[in-house]
Amino acid sequence: RPLAPPLERRPNNGERPVSFAEQRLWFLHQLNPQSAAYNSPKALQLDGALNPAMLSATVEEIVRRHEILRTHYPSVDGLPVAAIAPPGQILLPLVDLSALAEEDRLACVRGLMARETRTPFELGAGPLMRLCLLRLADAEHVCLMTLHHIVTDAWSLGVLVKEVASLYRSLLQGEPSPLPELPVQYGDYASWQREWLSGKNLEHYLAFWRRQLGGQPPELSLPTDRPRPAAPSGRGARRTFRLPTEMVADLEAMSRREGVTVFMALYAVFILLLSRYCRQQELVVGVPIAGRNRRETEELIGFFINILLMRFDLASVRTYRELLQQVRRTTLDAYAHQDLPLEKVIEELQASRGGSEATLARVTVGFQNVPRENLDLPGLQLRTLVPELEVVRHDLTLWLSESGGTIQAAWTYSTELFDESTIVRMNEHFEILLSQAVQEPKIDVDALEMFTEAEKEAREKQKKNLKAAGRQRFLSSKGKRPGSIEAGSRG
């Protein structure tokens, strides 16, 4: 594995190369400039004595600190460059809804959140962050923040909210910023990535992913409730479940005994579930990772997230324990080669077979370990509002998170493909498989049952009805003249 050079600050003349991830999103935007599929919305409710001028000054300082929030992407000879604007005044428009009835205010907030989520950005002009402050009452506000994914990711939104809380507190008390200057910027990372992942280093990683994906990765044939639209809108929903406490305790104990992480154990069950649904033994699943395996990137805002494509073959797996070990090996190998972004892997696959992220990463599973947001502000109570409209970039994603002895499973899915009832049933099957696997890892995977009692009764009843119908047809056919149509003869 090549040793990466240090990530250091570089001279800035207002332009820089784009990272591989930025380049891919820029090209996707050119294909459909009116798409809002890569919008990243965030809504904060602020209850208490808010000072809008201080909040505006807070955001202005954050935009000064992070060059990526002043970046746009013009085209030069048909290719993108990252142009960095100088720091300037940030407008925080205020929309006063306090004169409306409470029910109308809430409806208006939901409508504005949905409108922001659906409104596209112009990458070539910028800015790529929109802000709006809604006043519901004197001591009740909602701050809408919408960024294009090319300048942010889930981790970045956590950094943004944390810095808002820290800076607002200091400005309100007349104190200097408590945040140290950033040693590097996202542009430094983009230039570093371009230089490092080239030549022999690039070929080293490409060789691994060629072996991992086998040249012809199978596409998942996950059954859907409706046909896939020609131009997906990105509209989706989220359904969250919490695993039973006793199941979590059994899962943690089993994981320790088998020498795997809790995520690996859950991942193995998800792979088995997909294999059953798709009726495939070979499958490729995407695993999103933060992409911040260097200390210098932890406090940066920017697009670092990567997706690792992992290929599994259940034909050689006899027990859940064997599947666990395959997941462990595959996951550790992929993490060791995570520096190569999905964009370069896709380029390699496109050259060989026309593969794409849209087809190879339709289903993903991830473990959320984004730093918790500090929402403690003087005189204010903050909470994150969950938008009713979920923007999804994959058909189906299972997000797993662990906190205080509990595990949460959040399914995000395309509402153009799946009904909510399908997701509820899928989670039931996931939990049933998991409950058996954690009790006996040596169990044969074919012996793992995934249906509920009600489903098993319905299936048994259906079998009996089909058997009775077949017997009735047989009895009805007796006595028919040979050669008649009723008897099934060709004569």
Protein backbone atom coordinates (compact mmCIF):
# COMPACT_ATOMS: atom_id res chain seq x y z
CA ARG A 1 0.00 0.00 0.00
CA PRO A 2 1.58 3.35 -1.05
CA LEU A 3 2.47 5.79 1.71
CA ALA A 4 0.56 9.05 1.27
CA PRO A 5 2.46 12.37 1.43
CA PRO A 6 1.50 14.98 4.06
CA LEU A 7 -1.55 17.17 3.43
CA GLU A 8 -0.35 20.78 3.56
CA ARG A 9 -1.51 24.32 2.75
CA ARG A 10 -0.88 25.45 -0.83
CA PRO A 11 -0.80 28.86 -2.50
CA ASN A 12 -4.26 30.10 -3.49
CA ASN A 13 -4.78 32.30 -6.53
CA GLY A 14 -8.55 32.02 -6.55
CA GLU A 15 -8.70 28.82 -8.62
CA ARG A 16 -7.77 25.21 -7.99
CA PRO A 17 -8.25 21.73 -9.46
CA VAL A 18 -11.45 19.91 -8.55
CA SER A 19 -11.41 16.69 -6.56
CA PHE A 20 -12.58 13.49 -8.24
CA ALA A 21 -15.87 13.68 -6.33
CA GLU A 22 -16.46 17.33 -7.31
CA GLN A 23 -15.75 16.48 -10.95
CA ARG A 24 -18.29 13.65 -11.02
CA LEU A 25 -21.06 15.75 -9.45
CA TRP A 26 -20.27 18.57 -11.89
CA PHE A 27 -20.69 16.19 -14.85
CA LEU A 28 -23.95 14.82 -13.42
CA HIS A 29 -25.19 18.40 -13.08
CA GLN A 30 -24.42 19.09 -16.76
CA LEU A 31 -26.60 16.12 -17.73
CA ASN A 32 -29.56 17.47 -15.76
CA PRO A 33 -29.04 21.09 -14.61
CA GLN A 34 -32.59 21.35 -13.24
CA SER A 35 -32.22 18.37 -10.92
CA ALA A 36 -32.28 18.97 -7.17
CA ALA A 37 -31.29 15.38 -6.35
CA TYR A 38 -27.97 16.57 -4.88
CA ASN A 39 -29.39 19.24 -2.59
CA SER A 40 -28.49 18.83 1.08
CA PRO A 41 -31.07 20.59 3.26
CA LYS A 42 -30.79 21.33 6.97
CA ALA A 43 -33.44 23.00 9.13
CA LEU A 44 -32.86 24.20 12.72
CA GLN A 45 -35.61 25.34 15.04
CA LEU A 46 -34.42 28.01 17.49
CA ASP A 47 -36.67 28.63 20.48
CA GLY A 48 -35.78 31.58 22.72
CA ALA A 49 -34.24 35.05 22.43
CA LEU A 50 -32.56 34.92 19.02
CA ASN A 51 -30.41 37.81 17.76
CA PRO A 52 -30.73 37.62 13.93
CA ALA A 53 -27.86 40.07 13.34
CA MET A 54 -25.50 37.93 15.43
CA LEU A 55 -26.66 34.80 13.62
CA SER A 56 -25.91 36.48 10.27
CA ALA A 57 -22.45 37.53 11.51
CA THR A 58 -21.86 33.97 12.70
CA VAL A 59 -22.61 32.50 9.29
CA GLU A 60 -20.47 35.17 7.63
CA GLU A 61 -17.47 34.15 9.73
CA ILE A 62 -18.01 30.47 8.92
CA VAL A 63 -18.11 31.23 5.20
CA ARG A 64 -14.87 33.21 5.60
CA ARG A 65 -13.23 30.28 7.40
CA HIS A 66 -14.21 27.66 4.83
CA GLU A 67 -13.21 28.45 1.24
CA ILE A 68 -15.44 25.64 -0.02
CA LEU A 69 -18.52 27.69 0.96
CA ARG A 70 -17.29 30.46 -1.37
CA THR A 71 -16.56 28.10 -4.26
CA HIS A 72 -18.37 27.72 -7.56
CA TYR A 73 -17.54 25.65 -10.64
CA PRO A 74 -17.26 27.41 -14.01
CA SER A 75 -16.34 25.51 -17.15
CA VAL A 76 -12.99 26.01 -18.86
CA ASP A 77 -12.62 24.20 -22.20
CA GLY A 78 -15.47 21.90 -21.24
CA LEU A 79 -14.00 20.91 -17.88
CA PRO A 80 -14.76 22.22 -14.38
CA VAL A 81 -12.46 24.34 -12.25
CA ALA A 82 -13.07 25.44 -8.68
CA ALA A 83 -13.24 29.23 -8.44
CA ILE A 84 -13.03 30.71 -4.95
CA ALA A 85 -14.74 34.04 -4.29
CA PRO A 86 -13.32 36.45 -1.70
CA PRO A 87 -15.08 36.74 1.68
CA GLY A 88 -18.04 39.11 1.71
CA GLN A 89 -21.28 39.98 3.38
CA ILE A 90 -23.76 37.14 3.83
CA LEU A 91 -27.44 37.85 3.40
CA LEU A 92 -29.79 36.11 5.80
CA PRO A 93 -33.27 36.97 4.52
CA LEU A 94 -35.97 37.09 7.19
CA VAL A 95 -39.48 35.85 6.40
CA ASP A 96 -41.99 36.90 9.05
CA LEU A 97 -44.79 34.37 9.49
CA SER A 98 -45.83 35.52 12.96
CA ALA A 99 -49.07 37.11 11.74
CA LEU A 100 -50.39 33.77 10.49
CA ALA A 101 -52.45 31.33 12.53
CA GLU A 102 -50.37 28.55 14.10
CA GLU A 103 -51.65 25.89 11.71
CA ASP A 104 -50.94 28.11 8.72
CA ARG A 105 -47.44 28.93 10.03
CA LEU A 106 -46.53 25.26 10.28
CA ALA A 107 -47.92 24.57 6.82
CA CYS A 108 -45.91 27.48 5.45
CA VAL A 109 -42.70 26.20 7.10
CA ARG A 110 -43.23 22.75 5.58
CA GLY A 111 -43.92 24.31 2.19
CA LEU A 112 -40.79 26.48 2.30
CA MET A 113 -38.66 23.51 3.39
CA ALA A 114 -39.99 21.47 0.48
CA ARG A 115 -39.44 24.35 -1.96
CA GLU A 116 -35.83 24.76 -0.83
CA THR A 117 -35.24 21.03 -1.18
CA ARG A 118 -36.60 21.05 -4.75
CA THR A 119 -34.91 24.24 -6.00
CA PRO A 120 -31.75 23.48 -8.03
CA PHE A 121 -28.42 25.33 -7.83
CA GLU A 122 -26.36 26.81 -10.66
CA LEU A 123 -22.91 25.32 -10.12
CA GLY A 124 -21.20 27.66 -12.57
CA ALA A 125 -22.29 30.83 -10.79
CA GLY A 126 -22.89 30.09 -7.12
CA PRO A 127 -23.36 30.65 -4.28
CA LEU A 128 -23.94 27.02 -3.45
CA MET A 129 -25.43 27.66 -0.03
CA ARG A 130 -28.86 29.26 0.53
CA LEU A 131 -30.03 30.62 3.88
CA CYS A 132 -33.40 31.76 5.11
CA LEU A 133 -34.60 32.68 8.61
CA LEU A 134 -38.29 32.18 9.36
CA ARG A 135 -39.87 34.06 12.27
CA LEU A 136 -42.81 32.13 13.67
CA ALA A 137 -43.07 34.24 16.84
CA ASP A 138 -40.86 36.59 18.87
CA ALA A 139 -39.16 33.62 20.54
CA GLU A 140 -39.56 31.02 17.82
CA HIS A 141 -37.51 30.87 14.59
CA VAL A 142 -36.53 28.29 11.98
CA CYS A 143 -33.28 28.61 10.04
CA LEU A 144 -33.26 26.88 6.66
CA MET A 145 -29.84 25.96 5.23
CA THR A 146 -29.57 24.32 1.82
CA LEU A 147 -26.23 23.38 0.27
CA HIS A 148 -25.34 21.54 -2.90
CA HIS A 149 -23.74 18.17 -2.19
CA ILE A 150 -20.65 19.21 -4.19
CA VAL A 151 -19.58 21.41 -1.23
CA THR A 152 -20.81 19.31 1.69
CA ASP A 153 -21.68 15.91 3.14
CA ALA A 154 -23.34 14.62 6.32
CA TRP A 155 -20.19 15.07 8.41
CA SER A 156 -19.79 18.62 7.08
CA LEU A 157 -23.31 19.58 8.16
CA GLY A 158 -22.38 18.48 11.67
CA VAL A 159 -19.25 20.66 11.54
CA LEU A 160 -21.36 23.58 10.29
CA VAL A 161 -23.90 23.36 13.11
CA LYS A 162 -21.15 22.93 15.73
CA GLU A 163 -19.37 26.06 14.51
CA VAL A 164 -22.63 28.03 14.43
CA ALA A 165 -23.20 27.20 18.10
CA SER A 166 -19.63 28.05 19.13
CA LEU A 167 -19.32 31.32 17.18
CA TYR A 168 -22.80 32.63 17.98
CA ARG A 169 -22.14 32.22 21.69
CA SER A 170 -18.84 34.14 21.49
CA LEU A 171 -20.16 36.95 19.30
CA LEU A 172 -23.19 37.42 21.53
CA GLN A 173 -20.90 37.82 24.55
CA GLY A 174 -18.51 40.17 22.71
CA GLU A 175 -15.67 37.66 22.77
CA PRO A 176 -13.26 36.75 19.94
CA SER A 177 -13.80 33.59 17.93
CA PRO A 178 -12.82 30.46 19.89
CA LEU A 179 -12.15 28.57 16.65
CA PRO A 180 -8.51 28.32 15.51
CA GLU A 181 -7.70 29.05 11.88
CA LEU A 182 -7.91 25.96 9.69
CA PRO A 183 -4.46 24.55 8.82
CA VAL A 184 -5.68 23.37 5.40
CA GLN A 185 -8.71 23.92 3.16
CA TYR A 186 -10.74 21.55 1.00
CA GLY A 187 -8.89 22.89 -2.05
CA ASP A 188 -5.61 21.69 -0.53
CA TYR A 189 -7.13 18.24 -0.18
CA ALA A 190 -8.35 18.28 -3.82
CA SER A 191 -4.89 19.21 -5.12
CA TRP A 192 -3.23 16.63 -2.83
CA GLN A 193 -5.64 13.92 -4.02
CA ARG A 194 -5.00 14.68 -7.70
CA GLU A 195 -1.24 14.52 -7.27
CA TRP A 196 -1.14 11.43 -5.08
CA LEU A 197 -3.67 9.25 -6.93
CA SER A 198 -1.77 9.14 -10.18
CA GLY A 199 0.79 6.93 -11.87
CA LYS A 200 1.86 3.86 -9.88
CA ASN A 201 -0.20 4.82 -6.84
CA LEU A 202 -3.39 4.97 -8.92
CA GLU A 203 -2.63 1.65 -10.60
CA HIS A 204 -2.07 -0.01 -7.20
CA TYR A 205 -5.60 0.87 -6.08
CA LEU A 206 -7.19 0.16 -9.45
CA ALA A 207 -5.64 -3.31 -9.45
CA PHE A 208 -7.25 -4.07 -6.07
CA TRP A 209 -10.72 -2.93 -7.17
CA ARG A 210 -10.46 -4.89 -10.41
CA ARG A 211 -9.87 -8.02 -8.33
CA GLN A 212 -12.54 -7.09 -5.79
CA LEU A 213 -15.27 -6.51 -8.37
CA GLY A 214 -14.20 -9.21 -10.79
CA GLY A 215 -14.62 -7.21 -14.00
CA GLN A 216 -18.32 -8.05 -14.38
CA PRO A 217 -20.07 -7.07 -11.11
CA PRO A 218 -23.64 -8.36 -10.98
CA GLU A 219 -26.41 -5.80 -10.73
CA LEU A 220 -28.99 -6.30 -7.98
CA SER A 221 -32.42 -7.33 -9.19
CA LEU A 222 -34.29 -6.04 -6.14
CA PRO A 223 -38.05 -6.35 -6.71
CA THR A 224 -39.91 -3.03 -6.57
CA ASP A 225 -43.56 -2.07 -6.18
CA ARG A 226 -43.46 0.04 -9.37
CA PRO A 227 -41.33 0.15 -12.53
CA ARG A 228 -38.26 2.35 -12.46
CA PRO A 229 -38.94 5.78 -14.00
CA ALA A 230 -36.82 6.88 -16.95
CA ALA A 231 -35.78 10.04 -15.07
CA PRO A 232 -35.85 9.48 -11.27
CA SER A 233 -36.85 12.57 -9.28
CA GLY A 234 -34.85 11.69 -6.16
CA ARG A 235 -37.95 11.93 -3.97
CA GLY A 236 -38.01 9.52 -1.10
CA ALA A 237 -38.90 8.89 2.51
CA ARG A 238 -37.36 7.58 5.72
CA ARG A 239 -38.70 4.97 8.11
CA THR A 240 -36.87 4.38 11.39
CA PHE A 241 -36.96 1.36 13.72
CA ARG A 242 -35.20 0.56 16.97
CA LEU A 243 -33.92 -2.96 17.53
CA PRO A 244 -35.21 -4.68 20.69
CA THR A 245 -32.90 -4.16 23.68
CA GLU A 246 -32.42 -7.89 24.36
CA MET A 247 -31.53 -8.48 20.70
CA VAL A 248 -28.88 -5.75 20.85
CA ALA A 249 -27.29 -7.34 23.94
CA ASP A 250 -27.19 -10.74 22.21
CA LEU A 251 -25.76 -9.15 19.07
CA GLU A 252 -22.94 -7.43 20.95
CA ALA A 253 -22.03 -10.61 22.83
CA MET A 254 -22.04 -12.72 19.66
CA SER A 255 -19.93 -10.14 17.79
CA ARG A 256 -17.27 -10.23 20.52
CA ARG A 257 -17.16 -14.03 20.44
CA GLU A 258 -16.85 -14.14 16.64
CA GLY A 259 -14.22 -11.39 16.45
CA VAL A 260 -16.27 -9.02 14.31
CA THR A 261 -17.76 -5.57 14.81
CA VAL A 262 -21.46 -5.06 15.43
CA PHE A 263 -21.72 -3.40 12.03
CA MET A 264 -20.19 -6.44 10.30
CA ALA A 265 -22.71 -8.72 12.00
CA LEU A 266 -25.62 -6.50 10.93
CA TYR A 267 -24.14 -6.13 7.46
CA ALA A 268 -23.98 -9.91 7.03
CA VAL A 269 -27.69 -10.22 7.85
CA PHE A 270 -28.51 -7.43 5.38
CA ILE A 271 -26.52 -9.26 2.67
CA LEU A 272 -28.50 -12.43 3.41
CA LEU A 273 -31.77 -10.49 3.28
CA LEU A 274 -30.89 -9.00 -0.12
CA SER A 275 -29.88 -12.42 -1.41
CA ARG A 276 -33.31 -13.77 -0.49
CA TYR A 277 -35.21 -10.80 -1.96
CA CYS A 278 -33.18 -10.69 -5.19
CA ARG A 279 -32.78 -14.47 -5.49
CA GLN A 280 -29.09 -13.92 -6.19
CA GLN A 281 -26.03 -15.52 -4.66
CA GLU A 282 -23.62 -12.99 -6.14
CA LEU A 283 -24.30 -9.36 -5.27
CA VAL A 284 -22.61 -5.98 -4.98
CA VAL A 285 -23.63 -3.55 -2.22
CA GLY A 286 -22.37 -0.02 -1.63
CA VAL A 287 -21.03 1.03 1.77
CA PRO A 288 -20.82 4.81 2.37
CA ILE A 289 -17.86 5.95 4.46
CA ALA A 290 -16.93 9.40 5.78
CA GLY A 291 -13.70 9.48 3.74
CA ARG A 292 -11.92 11.40 6.50
CA ASN A 293 -9.10 9.07 7.43
CA ARG A 294 -6.67 11.98 7.83
CA ARG A 295 -6.74 14.14 10.96
CA GLU A 296 -6.44 17.36 8.92
CA THR A 297 -9.83 16.76 7.26
CA GLU A 298 -11.91 16.19 10.39
CA GLU A 299 -12.83 19.86 10.91
CA LEU A 300 -13.29 20.73 7.23
CA ILE A 301 -16.52 21.33 5.35
CA GLY A 302 -16.52 19.67 1.95
CA PHE A 303 -17.43 16.63 -0.11
CA PHE A 304 -15.33 13.78 1.33
CA ILE A 305 -17.84 10.93 1.50
CA ASN A 306 -16.94 7.84 -0.51
CA ILE A 307 -18.82 4.66 -1.39
CA LEU A 308 -17.03 1.33 -1.30
CA LEU A 309 -18.46 -1.33 -3.62
CA MET A 310 -18.28 -4.73 -1.94
CA ARG A 311 -18.92 -7.96 -3.77
CA PHE A 312 -20.15 -11.14 -2.06
CA ASP A 313 -20.66 -14.71 -3.22
CA LEU A 314 -23.01 -16.77 -1.06
CA ALA A 315 -22.64 -19.89 -3.21
CA SER A 316 -19.68 -21.00 -1.11
CA VAL A 317 -21.24 -20.01 2.23
CA ARG A 318 -22.83 -22.75 4.34
CA THR A 319 -23.32 -21.11 7.74
CA TYR A 320 -23.92 -17.60 9.07
CA ARG A 321 -20.49 -17.82 10.73
CA GLU A 322 -18.87 -18.37 7.32
CA LEU A 323 -20.80 -15.41 5.92
CA LEU A 324 -19.57 -13.31 8.85
CA GLN A 325 -15.97 -14.12 8.02
CA GLN A 326 -16.48 -13.32 4.34
CA VAL A 327 -17.99 -9.96 5.31
CA ARG A 328 -15.09 -9.32 7.70
CA ARG A 329 -12.42 -10.05 5.08
CA THR A 330 -14.15 -8.09 2.34
CA THR A 331 -14.83 -5.09 4.57
CA LEU A 332 -11.31 -4.86 5.98
CA ASP A 333 -9.76 -5.18 2.52
CA ALA A 334 -12.04 -2.47 1.16
CA TYR A 335 -11.31 -0.11 4.08
CA ALA A 336 -7.57 -0.60 3.48
CA HIS A 337 -8.11 0.64 -0.10
CA GLN A 338 -10.70 3.32 0.61
CA ASP A 339 -8.54 6.21 -0.62
CA LEU A 340 -9.51 5.57 -4.22
CA PRO A 341 -12.82 7.41 -4.71
CA LEU A 342 -15.81 5.72 -6.28
CA GLU A 343 -15.48 8.08 -9.24
CA LYS A 344 -12.21 6.45 -10.33
CA VAL A 345 -13.59 2.94 -9.77
CA ILE A 346 -16.60 3.82 -11.95
CA GLU A 347 -14.29 5.14 -14.68
CA GLU A 348 -12.47 1.81 -14.67
CA LEU A 349 -15.72 -0.16 -14.87
CA GLN A 350 -17.13 2.06 -17.60
CA ALA A 351 -14.05 1.36 -19.69
CA SER A 352 -14.59 -2.38 -19.33
CA ARG A 353 -18.37 -2.87 -19.30
CA GLY A 354 -20.28 0.39 -19.03
CA GLY A 355 -20.87 0.16 -15.27
CA SER A 356 -22.14 3.17 -13.35
CA GLU A 357 -22.85 4.25 -9.80
CA ALA A 358 -26.56 4.31 -10.63
CA THR A 359 -26.56 0.57 -11.41
CA LEU A 360 -23.87 -0.74 -9.06
CA ALA A 361 -24.79 1.22 -5.92
CA ARG A 362 -28.56 1.10 -6.10
CA VAL A 363 -28.62 -0.45 -2.62
CA THR A 364 -26.32 0.74 0.16
CA VAL A 365 -25.83 0.05 3.86
CA GLY A 366 -23.96 2.37 6.18
CA PHE A 367 -23.01 2.84 9.81
CA GLN A 368 -23.55 6.43 10.93
CA ASN A 369 -20.82 7.72 13.21
CA VAL A 370 -21.12 11.42 12.36
CA PRO A 371 -20.06 13.56 15.36
CA ARG A 372 -23.03 14.64 17.48
CA GLU A 373 -23.99 18.27 17.03
CA ASN A 374 -23.56 20.63 19.97
CA LEU A 375 -26.83 22.55 20.08
CA ASP A 376 -26.23 24.48 23.31
CA LEU A 377 -26.68 28.25 22.79
CA PRO A 378 -27.19 31.07 25.31
CA GLY A 379 -30.90 31.63 25.81
CA LEU A 380 -31.80 29.26 22.97
CA GLN A 381 -32.99 25.73 22.60
CA LEU A 382 -32.11 24.16 19.26
CA ARG A 383 -33.39 21.07 17.53
CA THR A 384 -33.03 19.71 14.05
CA LEU A 385 -36.21 19.47 12.01
CA VAL A 386 -36.60 16.41 9.83
CA PRO A 387 -37.93 17.37 6.38
CA GLU A 388 -41.02 15.55 5.18
CA LEU A 389 -39.43 15.31 1.75
CA GLU A 390 -36.37 13.05 1.78
CA VAL A 391 -33.85 13.45 -1.03
CA VAL A 392 -32.54 10.00 -1.98
CA ARG A 393 -29.75 9.13 -4.39
CA HIS A 394 -30.10 5.36 -4.14
CA ASP A 395 -33.06 3.03 -4.46
CA LEU A 396 -32.66 1.80 -0.89
CA THR A 397 -30.28 2.55 1.98
CA LEU A 398 -30.15 1.01 5.44
CA TRP A 399 -28.49 3.38 7.92
CA LEU A 400 -27.43 1.75 11.19
CA SER A 401 -26.42 3.75 14.25
CA GLU A 402 -25.48 2.77 17.79
CA SER A 403 -25.90 4.91 20.91
CA GLY A 404 -26.13 4.08 24.60
CA GLY A 405 -26.77 0.38 24.13
CA THR A 406 -29.45 0.89 21.48
CA ILE A 407 -29.27 0.36 17.73
CA GLN A 408 -31.41 2.26 15.27
CA ALA A 409 -32.18 1.09 11.74
CA ALA A 410 -33.23 3.91 9.41
CA TRP A 411 -34.37 2.91 5.93
CA THR A 412 -34.34 5.62 3.27
CA TYR A 413 -36.01 4.64 0.03
CA SER A 414 -37.28 5.95 -3.28
CA THR A 415 -41.02 6.51 -3.05
CA GLU A 416 -41.17 6.11 -6.82
CA LEU A 417 -40.19 2.46 -6.36
CA PHE A 418 -41.36 1.33 -2.91
CA ASP A 419 -44.42 1.62 -0.71
CA GLU A 420 -43.95 2.24 3.00
CA SER A 421 -45.58 -1.13 3.76
CA THR A 422 -42.82 -2.85 1.77
CA ILE A 423 -40.13 -1.18 3.89
CA VAL A 424 -41.94 -2.15 7.11
CA ARG A 425 -42.09 -5.76 5.95
CA MET A 426 -38.44 -5.71 4.90
CA ASN A 427 -37.41 -4.51 8.37
CA GLU A 428 -39.49 -7.28 9.96
CA HIS A 429 -37.68 -9.86 7.85
CA PHE A 430 -34.33 -8.27 8.76
CA GLU A 431 -35.05 -8.52 12.49
CA ILE A 432 -36.29 -12.12 12.22
CA LEU A 433 -33.11 -13.20 10.43
CA LEU A 434 -30.97 -11.30 12.92
CA SER A 435 -32.66 -12.79 15.99
CA GLN A 436 -31.86 -16.34 14.79
CA ALA A 437 -28.31 -15.60 13.60
CA VAL A 438 -27.15 -14.03 16.86
CA GLN A 439 -28.44 -17.00 18.86
CA GLU A 440 -26.64 -19.62 16.80
CA PRO A 441 -23.92 -18.40 14.38
CA LYS A 442 -23.23 -22.01 13.31
CA ILE A 443 -26.72 -22.29 11.85
CA ASP A 444 -27.00 -23.21 8.18
CA VAL A 445 -28.00 -20.09 6.24
CA ASP A 446 -30.67 -22.07 4.38
CA ALA A 447 -32.27 -22.90 7.74
CA LEU A 448 -32.67 -19.23 8.68
CA GLU A 449 -36.33 -18.29 8.49
CA MET A 450 -37.35 -14.72 7.64
CA PHE A 451 -41.15 -14.78 7.48
CA THR A 452 -43.50 -13.64 10.25
CA GLU A 453 -45.98 -16.11 11.77
CA ALA A 454 -48.82 -14.46 9.85
CA GLU A 455 -46.90 -14.77 6.58
CA LYS A 456 -46.10 -18.42 7.26
CA GLU A 457 -49.77 -19.16 7.95
CA ALA A 458 -50.79 -17.34 4.77
CA ARG A 459 -48.19 -19.24 2.72
CA GLU A 460 -49.31 -22.56 4.19
CA LYS A 461 -52.92 -21.74 3.41
CA GLN A 462 -51.98 -20.81 -0.14
CA LYS A 463 -50.17 -24.13 -0.57
CA LYS A 464 -53.24 -26.03 0.65
CA ASN A 465 -55.50 -24.08 -1.70
CA LEU A 466 -53.19 -24.72 -4.65
CA LYS A 467 -53.01 -28.41 -3.76
CA ALA A 468 -56.80 -28.63 -3.49
CA ALA A 469 -57.24 -26.80 -6.78
CA GLY A 470 -54.81 -29.17 -8.49
CA ARG A 471 -56.63 -32.19 -7.12
CA GLN A 472 -59.95 -30.76 -8.31
CA ARG A 473 -58.57 -30.23 -11.81
CA PHE A 474 -57.27 -33.79 -11.81
CA LEU A 475 -60.66 -35.20 -10.77
CA SER A 476 -62.44 -33.00 -13.31
CA SER A 477 -60.19 -34.24 -16.09
CA LYS A 478 -61.07 -37.88 -15.38
CA GLY A 479 -63.83 -38.98 -17.68
CA LYS A 480 -63.05 -36.41 -20.36
CA ARG A 481 -62.85 -37.81 -23.84
CA PRO A 482 -59.29 -38.29 -25.07
CA GLY A 483 -58.36 -35.57 -27.51
CA SER A 484 -60.68 -32.95 -25.99
CA ILE A 485 -59.36 -29.44 -25.25
CA GLU A 486 -60.37 -29.84 -21.60
CA ALA A 487 -58.02 -32.79 -21.24
CA GLY A 488 -55.13 -30.74 -22.48
CA SER A 489 -54.61 -32.76 -25.65
CA ARG A 490 -53.17 -31.17 -28.76
CA GLY A 491 -55.81 -33.02 -30.85
